[in-house]
Amino acid sequence: MKTGLRITAFAAALAGAFGTAYGVGQAFDPVVAERPRTHQDRHPSGAAESERGGSAAHAPGGLQISEGGYTLDLDTPTVTAGESAELRFTVRDADGRAVGEYRREHDKELHLIVASRDLVTYRHLHPERTPDGTWSTPVDLPRAGGYRVFADFTPDRPGAENLTLGADLAASGPYSPRELPRSSATARVDGYDVKLTGTLTPGRASELRLTVSRDGEPVTDLQPYLGAYGHLVALRAGDLAYLHVHPEGEPGDGTTRPGPHVSFTATAPSSGSYRLFLDFKHDGVVRTAAFTVETGQAVAEEAGPTSPDPAESPGHSDDGHGH
């Protein structure tokens, strides 16, 4: 019997209103980070939020840096492209105090996604928390430009619900825009082929099935990663509307096999182009296969190199920092 799914759909800020602190010139012109945001920038007043339109109660998840009395305080709003940096942040409550207790979900207290605005670079990270409530994780972003940071968590407090807060991150350096990769049914990563079947449908749940093979042979010994045989994140092109979907079934339930198929049920919030990122673990390494799909259309059968280059989404052993 398949376990129930919790599918959370939420939208990030509009790309046109993207407020990250970097200046984008013409192609290959340098991108220079502006001043870091002040405390007031990170914690806007209610009046300012009203002027931007809409109240917090009606805003979709991930659009706001603050929601439900909690704020994502990003201490590292800028990094340098191509250089390793420590990404640091704190989740604060309505009184400004660092949150120190979280409910564990999928083996982690907090999941962190970093994605470039052009959906070429993707990171699924698992930061570590110090006793004072500060989270940190190493990050190395290969290209200059704008990025979006998503923190997915549930405070361990009575009545608390799952939240996803979003913040902008800038990577300084020479900037060259990239186009959205073309649609393809097969993604190749590190010698693995991952085939996607199914259709992402706006406003209606539909099945997406991913099949993992290597050297033409099905992979039937996928390893559990964060309590599942696969994790799927979908980001809508243009505004990064976000879906985090976990597969049907789970390891050890007596019915779910460790490959080659991993199935998901997902609902697109609207029509458009989406970038799908599948995390799967095999031979002790977590890899990411990426696809571009159009809602309401079956993906093309032609295979293509639609997964990120190794520099864009590197595979890692499961060392606690994610990948």
C-alpha atoms as a PDB file:
ATOM      1  CA  MET A   1       0.000   0.000   0.000  1.00  0.00           C
ATOM      2  CA  LYS A   2       1.476   3.307  -1.014  1.00  0.00           C
ATOM      3  CA  THR A   3       2.069   5.845   1.659  1.00  0.00           C
ATOM      4  CA  GLY A   4       0.345   9.203   1.468  1.00  0.00           C
ATOM      5  CA  LEU A   5       2.174  12.118   0.039  1.00  0.00           C
ATOM      6  CA  ARG A   6       2.585  15.579   1.350  1.00  0.00           C
ATOM      7  CA  ILE A   7       2.946  17.796  -1.655  1.00  0.00           C
ATOM      8  CA  THR A   8       3.639  21.399  -0.892  1.00  0.00           C
ATOM      9  CA  ALA A   9       3.352  23.882  -3.708  1.00  0.00           C
ATOM     10  CA  PHE A  10       4.489  27.371  -3.188  1.00  0.00           C
ATOM     11  CA  ALA A  11       5.750  30.257  -5.296  1.00  0.00           C
ATOM     12  CA  ALA A  12       8.975  32.218  -4.985  1.00  0.00           C
ATOM     13  CA  ALA A  13       9.339  35.939  -5.749  1.00  0.00           C
ATOM     14  CA  LEU A  14       8.757  37.174  -9.290  1.00  0.00           C
ATOM     15  CA  ALA A  15      11.925  37.245 -11.341  1.00  0.00           C
ATOM     16  CA  GLY A  16      11.052  40.714 -12.569  1.00  0.00           C
ATOM     17  CA  ALA A  17      11.020  42.013  -8.996  1.00  0.00           C
ATOM     18  CA  PHE A  18      14.154  40.134  -8.096  1.00  0.00           C
ATOM     19  CA  GLY A  19      15.889  42.219  -5.458  1.00  0.00           C
ATOM     20  CA  THR A  20      19.170  40.399  -5.065  1.00  0.00           C
ATOM     21  CA  ALA A  21      22.215  42.594  -4.561  1.00  0.00           C
ATOM     22  CA  TYR A  22      24.076  42.307  -7.786  1.00  0.00           C
ATOM     23  CA  GLY A  23      24.270  44.361 -10.970  1.00  0.00           C
ATOM     24  CA  VAL A  24      23.895  42.562 -14.279  1.00  0.00           C
ATOM     25  CA  GLY A  25      25.449  44.213 -17.306  1.00  0.00           C
ATOM     26  CA  GLN A  26      25.728  42.941 -20.823  1.00  0.00           C
ATOM     27  CA  ALA A  27      26.902  39.402 -21.492  1.00  0.00           C
ATOM     28  CA  PHE A  28      30.352  38.769 -20.041  1.00  0.00           C
ATOM     29  CA  ASP A  29      30.409  42.110 -18.266  1.00  0.00           C
ATOM     30  CA  PRO A  30      31.464  41.918 -14.630  1.00  0.00           C
ATOM     31  CA  VAL A  31      28.785  41.506 -12.009  1.00  0.00           C
ATOM     32  CA  VAL A  32      29.606  43.472  -8.864  1.00  0.00           C
ATOM     33  CA  ALA A  33      27.844  42.882  -5.572  1.00  0.00           C
ATOM     34  CA  GLU A  34      26.326  45.947  -3.990  1.00  0.00           C
ATOM     35  CA  ARG A  35      26.296  46.659  -0.276  1.00  0.00           C
ATOM     36  CA  PRO A  36      25.016  43.874   2.003  1.00  0.00           C
ATOM     37  CA  ARG A  37      21.440  44.308   3.131  1.00  0.00           C
ATOM     38  CA  THR A  38      20.814  45.979   6.453  1.00  0.00           C
ATOM     39  CA  HIS A  39      18.681  44.598   9.248  1.00  0.00           C
ATOM     40  CA  GLN A  40      15.808  46.761   8.004  1.00  0.00           C
ATOM     41  CA  ASP A  41      16.240  45.347   4.484  1.00  0.00           C
ATOM     42  CA  ARG A  42      15.958  41.824   5.873  1.00  0.00           C
ATOM     43  CA  HIS A  43      13.011  42.651   8.152  1.00  0.00           C
ATOM     44  CA  PRO A  44      10.751  45.083   6.263  1.00  0.00           C
ATOM     45  CA  SER A  45       7.973  46.854   8.078  1.00  0.00           C
ATOM     46  CA  GLY A  46       4.362  45.883   7.693  1.00  0.00           C
ATOM     47  CA  ALA A  47       3.680  49.141   5.879  1.00  0.00           C
ATOM     48  CA  ALA A  48       6.354  48.399   3.328  1.00  0.00           C
ATOM     49  CA  GLU A  49       4.944  44.916   2.791  1.00  0.00           C
ATOM     50  CA  SER A  50       1.500  46.400   2.224  1.00  0.00           C
ATOM     51  CA  GLU A  51       2.891  48.796  -0.386  1.00  0.00           C
ATOM     52  CA  ARG A  52       4.303  45.819  -2.305  1.00  0.00           C
ATOM     53  CA  GLY A  53       0.804  44.405  -2.469  1.00  0.00           C
ATOM     54  CA  GLY A  54      -0.969  41.622  -0.620  1.00  0.00           C
ATOM     55  CA  SER A  55      -0.888  40.575   3.002  1.00  0.00           C
ATOM     56  CA  ALA A  56       1.175  37.811   4.509  1.00  0.00           C
ATOM     57  CA  ALA A  57      -1.934  35.735   5.039  1.00  0.00           C
ATOM     58  CA  HIS A  58      -2.553  35.507   1.301  1.00  0.00           C
ATOM     59  CA  ALA A  59       1.011  35.302   0.003  1.00  0.00           C
ATOM     60  CA  PRO A  60       2.171  31.920  -1.316  1.00  0.00           C
ATOM     61  CA  GLY A  61       4.958  30.098   0.490  1.00  0.00           C
ATOM     62  CA  GLY A  62       8.525  30.934  -0.496  1.00  0.00           C
ATOM     63  CA  LEU A  63       7.558  34.386  -1.743  1.00  0.00           C
ATOM     64  CA  GLN A  64       8.337  36.034   1.559  1.00  0.00           C
ATOM     65  CA  ILE A  65      11.372  36.285   3.746  1.00  0.00           C
ATOM     66  CA  SER A  66       8.925  36.377   6.682  1.00  0.00           C
ATOM     67  CA  GLU A  67       5.769  34.318   7.170  1.00  0.00           C
ATOM     68  CA  GLY A  68       3.706  33.025  10.077  1.00  0.00           C
ATOM     69  CA  GLY A  69       5.811  34.915  12.600  1.00  0.00           C
ATOM     70  CA  TYR A  70       9.117  33.476  11.344  1.00  0.00           C
ATOM     71  CA  THR A  71      11.877  35.215   9.382  1.00  0.00           C
ATOM     72  CA  LEU A  72      14.751  33.883   7.300  1.00  0.00           C
ATOM     73  CA  ASP A  73      17.720  36.063   8.278  1.00  0.00           C
ATOM     74  CA  LEU A  74      20.354  35.452   5.596  1.00  0.00           C
ATOM     75  CA  ASP A  75      23.751  36.493   6.949  1.00  0.00           C
ATOM     76  CA  THR A  76      25.472  35.805   3.611  1.00  0.00           C
ATOM     77  CA  PRO A  77      23.551  37.712   0.921  1.00  0.00           C
ATOM     78  CA  THR A  78      26.510  37.726  -1.495  1.00  0.00           C
ATOM     79  CA  VAL A  79      29.230  35.262  -2.503  1.00  0.00           C
ATOM     80  CA  THR A  80      31.870  35.167  -5.232  1.00  0.00           C
ATOM     81  CA  ALA A  81      31.229  32.824  -8.146  1.00  0.00           C
ATOM     82  CA  GLY A  82      33.698  29.958  -8.401  1.00  0.00           C
ATOM     83  CA  GLU A  83      34.904  30.294  -4.821  1.00  0.00           C
ATOM     84  CA  SER A  84      33.856  28.224  -1.830  1.00  0.00           C
ATOM     85  CA  ALA A  85      31.971  30.205   0.786  1.00  0.00           C
ATOM     86  CA  GLU A  86      30.153  29.581   4.041  1.00  0.00           C
ATOM     87  CA  LEU A  87      26.450  30.248   3.670  1.00  0.00           C
ATOM     88  CA  ARG A  88      25.073  31.325   7.042  1.00  0.00           C
ATOM     89  CA  PHE A  89      21.536  32.108   8.130  1.00  0.00           C
ATOM     90  CA  THR A  90      19.190  32.098  11.110  1.00  0.00           C
ATOM     91  CA  VAL A  91      15.464  31.442  11.404  1.00  0.00           C
ATOM     92  CA  ARG A  92      13.983  33.955  13.865  1.00  0.00           C
ATOM     93  CA  ASP A  93      10.615  34.023  15.593  1.00  0.00           C
ATOM     94  CA  ALA A  94       8.286  37.003  15.965  1.00  0.00           C
ATOM     95  CA  ASP A  95      10.379  38.292  18.906  1.00  0.00           C
ATOM     96  CA  GLY A  96      13.591  38.169  16.886  1.00  0.00           C
ATOM     97  CA  ARG A  97      14.950  35.163  18.774  1.00  0.00           C
ATOM     98  CA  ALA A  98      16.730  32.384  16.917  1.00  0.00           C
ATOM     99  CA  VAL A  99      14.629  29.250  16.587  1.00  0.00           C
ATOM    100  CA  GLY A 100      16.454  26.334  18.215  1.00  0.00           C
ATOM    101  CA  GLU A 101      14.020  23.433  17.968  1.00  0.00           C
ATOM    102  CA  TYR A 102      12.659  21.860  14.795  1.00  0.00           C
ATOM    103  CA  ARG A 103      10.685  18.786  13.847  1.00  0.00           C
ATOM    104  CA  ARG A 104      12.692  16.280  11.872  1.00  0.00           C
ATOM    105  CA  GLU A 105      11.221  15.616   8.444  1.00  0.00           C
ATOM    106  CA  HIS A 106      12.821  13.182   6.004  1.00  0.00           C
ATOM    107  CA  ASP A 107      15.740  12.695   8.398  1.00  0.00           C
ATOM    108  CA  LYS A 108      16.570  16.428   8.631  1.00  0.00           C
ATOM    109  CA  GLU A 109      15.462  19.418  10.675  1.00  0.00           C
ATOM    110  CA  LEU A 110      15.776  21.774   7.724  1.00  0.00           C
ATOM    111  CA  HIS A 111      16.206  21.378   3.970  1.00  0.00           C
ATOM    112  CA  LEU A 112      17.904  24.111   1.964  1.00  0.00           C
ATOM    113  CA  ILE A 113      17.548  24.572  -1.789  1.00  0.00           C
ATOM    114  CA  VAL A 114      19.691  27.003  -3.779  1.00  0.00           C
ATOM    115  CA  ALA A 115      18.823  27.492  -7.450  1.00  0.00           C
ATOM    116  CA  SER A 116      19.976  29.982 -10.053  1.00  0.00           C
ATOM    117  CA  ARG A 117      17.383  32.185 -11.673  1.00  0.00           C
ATOM    118  CA  ASP A 118      18.025  30.546 -15.054  1.00  0.00           C
ATOM    119  CA  LEU A 119      17.495  27.082 -13.453  1.00  0.00           C
ATOM    120  CA  VAL A 120      20.858  25.786 -14.654  1.00  0.00           C
ATOM    121  CA  THR A 121      22.585  25.573 -11.269  1.00  0.00           C
ATOM    122  CA  TYR A 122      20.900  23.631  -8.447  1.00  0.00           C
ATOM    123  CA  ARG A 123      21.904  22.662  -4.926  1.00  0.00           C
ATOM    124  CA  HIS A 124      20.004  20.606  -2.330  1.00  0.00           C
ATOM    125  CA  LEU A 125      21.891  21.286   0.894  1.00  0.00           C
ATOM    126  CA  HIS A 126      21.610  20.142   4.486  1.00  0.00           C
ATOM    127  CA  PRO A 127      23.212  22.757   6.746  1.00  0.00           C
ATOM    128  CA  GLU A 128      24.304  22.214  10.317  1.00  0.00           C
ATOM    129  CA  ARG A 129      22.980  24.205  13.266  1.00  0.00           C
ATOM    130  CA  THR A 130      25.001  25.553  16.170  1.00  0.00           C
ATOM    131  CA  PRO A 131      23.590  25.853  19.725  1.00  0.00           C
ATOM    132  CA  ASP A 132      22.860  29.551  19.188  1.00  0.00           C
ATOM    133  CA  GLY A 133      20.527  28.719  16.280  1.00  0.00           C
ATOM    134  CA  THR A 134      22.822  29.733  13.415  1.00  0.00           C
ATOM    135  CA  TRP A 135      22.748  27.447  10.375  1.00  0.00           C
ATOM    136  CA  SER A 136      25.721  27.116   8.029  1.00  0.00           C
ATOM    137  CA  THR A 137      26.824  25.084   5.036  1.00  0.00           C
ATOM    138  CA  PRO A 138      29.624  25.357   2.498  1.00  0.00           C
ATOM    139  CA  VAL A 139      28.510  26.372  -0.986  1.00  0.00           C
ATOM    140  CA  ASP A 140      30.382  26.826  -4.252  1.00  0.00           C
ATOM    141  CA  LEU A 141      28.329  28.452  -7.007  1.00  0.00           C
ATOM    142  CA  PRO A 142      30.006  28.110 -10.399  1.00  0.00           C
ATOM    143  CA  ARG A 143      28.506  31.112 -12.183  1.00  0.00           C
ATOM    144  CA  ALA A 144      27.759  34.739 -11.427  1.00  0.00           C
ATOM    145  CA  GLY A 145      24.175  35.932 -11.281  1.00  0.00           C
ATOM    146  CA  GLY A 146      21.042  35.747  -9.184  1.00  0.00           C
ATOM    147  CA  TYR A 147      20.078  32.811  -7.002  1.00  0.00           C
ATOM    148  CA  ARG A 148      17.119  31.982  -4.791  1.00  0.00           C
ATOM    149  CA  VAL A 149      17.527  30.339  -1.382  1.00  0.00           C
ATOM    150  CA  PHE A 150      14.624  28.265   0.000  1.00  0.00           C
ATOM    151  CA  ALA A 151      14.535  27.085   3.637  1.00  0.00           C
ATOM    152  CA  ASP A 152      11.995  24.278   4.222  1.00  0.00           C
ATOM    153  CA  PHE A 153      11.308  23.517   7.902  1.00  0.00           C
ATOM    154  CA  THR A 154       8.739  23.035  10.667  1.00  0.00           C
ATOM    155  CA  PRO A 155       9.361  24.658  14.076  1.00  0.00           C
ATOM    156  CA  ASP A 156       8.905  22.265  16.988  1.00  0.00           C
ATOM    157  CA  ARG A 157       6.245  24.384  18.641  1.00  0.00           C
ATOM    158  CA  PRO A 158       2.550  23.754  19.337  1.00  0.00           C
ATOM    159  CA  GLY A 159       0.437  24.399  16.267  1.00  0.00           C
ATOM    160  CA  ALA A 160       3.418  25.133  14.034  1.00  0.00           C
ATOM    161  CA  GLU A 161       3.072  24.223  10.360  1.00  0.00           C
ATOM    162  CA  ASN A 162       5.615  23.527   7.672  1.00  0.00           C
ATOM    163  CA  LEU A 163       7.049  26.705   6.156  1.00  0.00           C
ATOM    164  CA  THR A 164       9.218  27.558   3.222  1.00  0.00           C
ATOM    165  CA  LEU A 165      10.872  30.967   3.417  1.00  0.00           C
ATOM    166  CA  GLY A 166      12.796  32.476   0.523  1.00  0.00           C
ATOM    167  CA  ALA A 167      15.665  34.928   0.193  1.00  0.00           C
ATOM    168  CA  ASP A 168      17.781  36.250  -2.655  1.00  0.00           C
ATOM    169  CA  LEU A 169      21.466  35.486  -3.021  1.00  0.00           C
ATOM    170  CA  ALA A 170      23.928  37.123  -5.413  1.00  0.00           C
ATOM    171  CA  ALA A 171      27.097  35.581  -6.864  1.00  0.00           C
ATOM    172  CA  SER A 172      29.552  38.192  -8.150  1.00  0.00           C
ATOM    173  CA  GLY A 173      31.766  37.683 -11.175  1.00  0.00           C
ATOM    174  CA  PRO A 174      31.657  37.759 -14.990  1.00  0.00           C
ATOM    175  CA  TYR A 175      28.048  37.149 -15.996  1.00  0.00           C
ATOM    176  CA  SER A 176      26.756  35.364 -19.082  1.00  0.00           C
ATOM    177  CA  PRO A 177      23.044  34.517 -19.346  1.00  0.00           C
ATOM    178  CA  ARG A 178      22.029  30.944 -20.106  1.00  0.00           C
ATOM    179  CA  GLU A 179      18.903  29.659 -21.808  1.00  0.00           C
ATOM    180  CA  LEU A 180      16.583  27.103 -20.247  1.00  0.00           C
ATOM    181  CA  PRO A 181      17.785  23.632 -21.346  1.00  0.00           C
ATOM    182  CA  ARG A 182      15.603  21.972 -23.956  1.00  0.00           C
ATOM    183  CA  SER A 183      12.935  19.448 -23.067  1.00  0.00           C
ATOM    184  CA  SER A 184      13.969  15.791 -23.125  1.00  0.00           C
ATOM    185  CA  ALA A 185      12.677  12.524 -21.667  1.00  0.00           C
ATOM    186  CA  THR A 186      16.129  11.263 -20.689  1.00  0.00           C
ATOM    187  CA  ALA A 187      18.739  12.895 -18.489  1.00  0.00           C
ATOM    188  CA  ARG A 188      22.312  11.628 -18.287  1.00  0.00           C
ATOM    189  CA  VAL A 189      24.472  12.101 -15.213  1.00  0.00           C
ATOM    190  CA  ASP A 190      27.728  10.346 -14.266  1.00  0.00           C
ATOM    191  CA  GLY A 191      27.070   7.377 -16.543  1.00  0.00           C
ATOM    192  CA  TYR A 192      23.450   6.959 -15.440  1.00  0.00           C
ATOM    193  CA  ASP A 193      20.405   7.402 -17.678  1.00  0.00           C
ATOM    194  CA  VAL A 194      17.190   8.535 -16.024  1.00  0.00           C
ATOM    195  CA  LYS A 195      14.018   8.389 -18.116  1.00  0.00           C
ATOM    196  CA  LEU A 196      10.957  10.460 -17.305  1.00  0.00           C
ATOM    197  CA  THR A 197       7.444   9.371 -18.279  1.00  0.00           C
ATOM    198  CA  GLY A 198       4.194  11.130 -17.497  1.00  0.00           C
ATOM    199  CA  THR A 199       2.742  14.595 -17.879  1.00  0.00           C
ATOM    200  CA  LEU A 200       2.857  17.494 -15.434  1.00  0.00           C
ATOM    201  CA  THR A 201      -0.700  18.843 -15.405  1.00  0.00           C
ATOM    202  CA  PRO A 202      -1.801  22.260 -14.111  1.00  0.00           C
ATOM    203  CA  GLY A 203      -4.300  22.044 -11.265  1.00  0.00           C
ATOM    204  CA  ARG A 204      -4.555  18.260 -11.312  1.00  0.00           C
ATOM    205  CA  ALA A 205      -2.543  15.500  -9.690  1.00  0.00           C
ATOM    206  CA  SER A 206      -0.666  13.323 -12.155  1.00  0.00           C
ATOM    207  CA  GLU A 207       1.971  10.613 -11.948  1.00  0.00           C
ATOM    208  CA  LEU A 208       5.581  11.188 -12.900  1.00  0.00           C
ATOM    209  CA  ARG A 209       7.692   8.053 -13.196  1.00  0.00           C
ATOM    210  CA  LEU A 210      11.462   8.082 -13.333  1.00  0.00           C
ATOM    211  CA  THR A 211      13.474   5.008 -14.299  1.00  0.00           C
ATOM    212  CA  VAL A 212      17.180   4.743 -13.470  1.00  0.00           C
ATOM    213  CA  SER A 213      19.619   2.656 -15.521  1.00  0.00           C
ATOM    214  CA  ARG A 214      23.375   2.386 -15.981  1.00  0.00           C
ATOM    215  CA  ASP A 215      25.150   0.934 -19.010  1.00  0.00           C
ATOM    216  CA  GLY A 216      21.791  -0.129 -20.382  1.00  0.00           C
ATOM    217  CA  GLU A 217      20.885  -2.159 -17.283  1.00  0.00           C
ATOM    218  CA  PRO A 218      18.169  -1.163 -14.805  1.00  0.00           C
ATOM    219  CA  VAL A 219      19.417  -0.077 -11.382  1.00  0.00           C
ATOM    220  CA  THR A 220      17.542  -2.217  -8.844  1.00  0.00           C
ATOM    221  CA  ASP A 221      19.554  -1.397  -5.739  1.00  0.00           C
ATOM    222  CA  LEU A 222      18.986   2.300  -5.150  1.00  0.00           C
ATOM    223  CA  GLN A 223      19.900   3.336  -1.625  1.00  0.00           C
ATOM    224  CA  PRO A 224      17.673   5.262   0.785  1.00  0.00           C
ATOM    225  CA  TYR A 225      18.438   8.965   0.862  1.00  0.00           C
ATOM    226  CA  LEU A 226      16.666  11.114   3.436  1.00  0.00           C
ATOM    227  CA  GLY A 227      14.205   8.290   4.051  1.00  0.00           C
ATOM    228  CA  ALA A 228      13.253   7.710   0.414  1.00  0.00           C
ATOM    229  CA  TYR A 229      14.563   6.289  -2.866  1.00  0.00           C
ATOM    230  CA  GLY A 230      14.290   9.664  -4.530  1.00  0.00           C
ATOM    231  CA  HIS A 231      13.417  13.316  -4.002  1.00  0.00           C
ATOM    232  CA  LEU A 232      11.956  15.548  -6.670  1.00  0.00           C
ATOM    233  CA  VAL A 233      11.948  19.342  -6.766  1.00  0.00           C
ATOM    234  CA  ALA A 234      10.149  21.225  -9.553  1.00  0.00           C
ATOM    235  CA  LEU A 235      10.785  24.913 -10.229  1.00  0.00           C
ATOM    236  CA  ARG A 236       8.709  26.933 -12.651  1.00  0.00           C
ATOM    237  CA  ALA A 237      10.691  28.963 -15.150  1.00  0.00           C
ATOM    238  CA  GLY A 238      10.234  32.702 -14.825  1.00  0.00           C
ATOM    239  CA  ASP A 239       9.301  33.046 -11.158  1.00  0.00           C
ATOM    240  CA  LEU A 240      10.599  29.820  -9.548  1.00  0.00           C
ATOM    241  CA  ALA A 241       7.262  28.618  -8.233  1.00  0.00           C
ATOM    242  CA  TYR A 242       8.327  25.612  -6.193  1.00  0.00           C
ATOM    243  CA  LEU A 243       7.101  22.070  -5.647  1.00  0.00           C
ATOM    244  CA  HIS A 244       8.898  19.638  -3.336  1.00  0.00           C
ATOM    245  CA  VAL A 245       7.544  16.138  -3.937  1.00  0.00           C
ATOM    246  CA  HIS A 246       8.456  12.874  -2.253  1.00  0.00           C
ATOM    247  CA  PRO A 247       7.888   9.524  -3.929  1.00  0.00           C
ATOM    248  CA  GLU A 248       5.093   7.038  -3.452  1.00  0.00           C
ATOM    249  CA  GLY A 249       6.103   4.446  -0.889  1.00  0.00           C
ATOM    250  CA  GLU A 250       9.198   4.348   1.272  1.00  0.00           C
ATOM    251  CA  PRO A 251      12.051   1.976   2.037  1.00  0.00           C
ATOM    252  CA  GLY A 252      11.030  -0.864   4.337  1.00  0.00           C
ATOM    253  CA  ASP A 253       7.276  -0.590   3.793  1.00  0.00           C
ATOM    254  CA  GLY A 254       7.151  -4.088   2.292  1.00  0.00           C
ATOM    255  CA  THR A 255       5.997  -2.994  -1.161  1.00  0.00           C
ATOM    256  CA  THR A 256       8.365  -0.296  -2.434  1.00  0.00           C
ATOM    257  CA  ARG A 257      11.288  -1.674  -4.432  1.00  0.00           C
ATOM    258  CA  PRO A 258      14.713   0.018  -4.586  1.00  0.00           C
ATOM    259  CA  GLY A 259      14.475   0.796  -8.286  1.00  0.00           C
ATOM    260  CA  PRO A 260      14.615   0.992 -11.146  1.00  0.00           C
ATOM    261  CA  HIS A 261      11.345   2.973 -10.971  1.00  0.00           C
ATOM    262  CA  VAL A 262      10.623   5.888  -8.640  1.00  0.00           C
ATOM    263  CA  SER A 263       7.109   7.326  -8.915  1.00  0.00           C
ATOM    264  CA  PHE A 264       5.735  10.655  -7.761  1.00  0.00           C
ATOM    265  CA  THR A 265       2.347  12.325  -7.779  1.00  0.00           C
ATOM    266  CA  ALA A 266       2.581  16.054  -8.444  1.00  0.00           C
ATOM    267  CA  THR A 267       0.302  18.965  -9.279  1.00  0.00           C
ATOM    268  CA  ALA A 268       1.611  21.966 -11.183  1.00  0.00           C
ATOM    269  CA  PRO A 269       0.315  25.282  -9.796  1.00  0.00           C
ATOM    270  CA  SER A 270      -0.156  26.624 -13.337  1.00  0.00           C
ATOM    271  CA  SER A 271       0.808  26.085 -16.943  1.00  0.00           C
ATOM    272  CA  GLY A 272       4.333  26.861 -18.076  1.00  0.00           C
ATOM    273  CA  SER A 273       7.845  25.472 -18.338  1.00  0.00           C
ATOM    274  CA  TYR A 274       9.308  23.656 -15.344  1.00  0.00           C
ATOM    275  CA  ARG A 275      12.727  22.364 -14.422  1.00  0.00           C
ATOM    276  CA  LEU A 276      12.640  19.048 -12.521  1.00  0.00           C
ATOM    277  CA  PHE A 277      15.528  17.891 -10.301  1.00  0.00           C
ATOM    278  CA  LEU A 278      15.637  14.252  -9.139  1.00  0.00           C
ATOM    279  CA  ASP A 279      18.030  13.331  -6.314  1.00  0.00           C
ATOM    280  CA  PHE A 280      18.865   9.622  -6.071  1.00  0.00           C
ATOM    281  CA  LYS A 281      21.563   7.653  -4.275  1.00  0.00           C
ATOM    282  CA  HIS A 282      23.553   4.706  -5.636  1.00  0.00           C
ATOM    283  CA  ASP A 283      26.937   3.264  -4.670  1.00  0.00           C
ATOM    284  CA  GLY A 284      27.101   5.741  -1.804  1.00  0.00           C
ATOM    285  CA  VAL A 285      26.851   8.848  -3.997  1.00  0.00           C
ATOM    286  CA  VAL A 286      23.900  11.214  -4.362  1.00  0.00           C
ATOM    287  CA  ARG A 287      23.384  12.403  -7.928  1.00  0.00           C
ATOM    288  CA  THR A 288      20.967  14.844  -9.527  1.00  0.00           C
ATOM    289  CA  ALA A 289      19.188  14.257 -12.824  1.00  0.00           C
ATOM    290  CA  ALA A 290      17.471  17.304 -14.314  1.00  0.00           C
ATOM    291  CA  PHE A 291      14.708  17.689 -16.900  1.00  0.00           C
ATOM    292  CA  THR A 292      12.860  20.515 -18.591  1.00  0.00           C
ATOM    293  CA  VAL A 293       9.151  19.878 -19.140  1.00  0.00           C
ATOM    294  CA  GLU A 294       6.145  21.782 -20.441  1.00  0.00           C
ATOM    295  CA  THR A 295       2.854  21.341 -18.618  1.00  0.00           C
ATOM    296  CA  GLY A 296       0.236  19.338 -20.459  1.00  0.00           C
ATOM    297  CA  GLN A 297       2.800  17.820 -22.823  1.00  0.00           C
ATOM    298  CA  ALA A 298       4.571  14.480 -22.703  1.00  0.00           C
ATOM    299  CA  VAL A 299       8.314  15.018 -22.737  1.00  0.00           C
ATOM    300  CA  ALA A 300      10.168  14.262 -25.969  1.00  0.00           C
ATOM    301  CA  GLU A 301      11.687  10.822 -26.308  1.00  0.00           C
ATOM    302  CA  GLU A 302      14.962  12.106 -27.702  1.00  0.00           C
ATOM    303  CA  ALA A 303      17.746  11.751 -25.154  1.00  0.00           C
ATOM    304  CA  GLY A 304      19.734  14.823 -24.346  1.00  0.00           C
ATOM    305  CA  PRO A 305      22.288  16.128 -21.850  1.00  0.00           C
ATOM    306  CA  THR A 306      19.623  17.870 -19.784  1.00  0.00           C
ATOM    307  CA  SER A 307      21.221  17.225 -16.419  1.00  0.00           C
ATOM    308  CA  PRO A 308      23.483  19.932 -15.056  1.00  0.00           C
ATOM    309  CA  ASP A 309      27.162  19.746 -15.839  1.00  0.00           C
ATOM    310  CA  PRO A 310      29.191  18.363 -12.913  1.00  0.00           C
ATOM    311  CA  ALA A 311      30.140  21.920 -11.971  1.00  0.00           C
ATOM    312  CA  GLU A 312      26.489  22.936 -11.914  1.00  0.00           C
ATOM    313  CA  SER A 313      25.156  20.163  -9.655  1.00  0.00           C
ATOM    314  CA  PRO A 314      27.965  17.950  -8.372  1.00  0.00           C
ATOM    315  CA  GLY A 315      27.366  14.522  -6.892  1.00  0.00           C
ATOM    316  CA  HIS A 316      28.636  13.913  -3.387  1.00  0.00           C
ATOM    317  CA  SER A 317      28.906  11.129  -0.899  1.00  0.00           C
ATOM    318  CA  ASP A 318      26.333  11.428   1.846  1.00  0.00           C
ATOM    319  CA  ASP A 319      28.523  13.501   4.167  1.00  0.00           C
ATOM    320  CA  GLY A 320      25.821  15.520   5.849  1.00  0.00           C
ATOM    321  CA  HIS A 321      26.148  18.619   3.683  1.00  0.00           C
ATOM    322  CA  GLY A 322      23.921  17.443   0.879  1.00  0.00           C
ATOM    323  CA  HIS A 323      24.919  18.210  -2.672  1.00  0.00           C
END
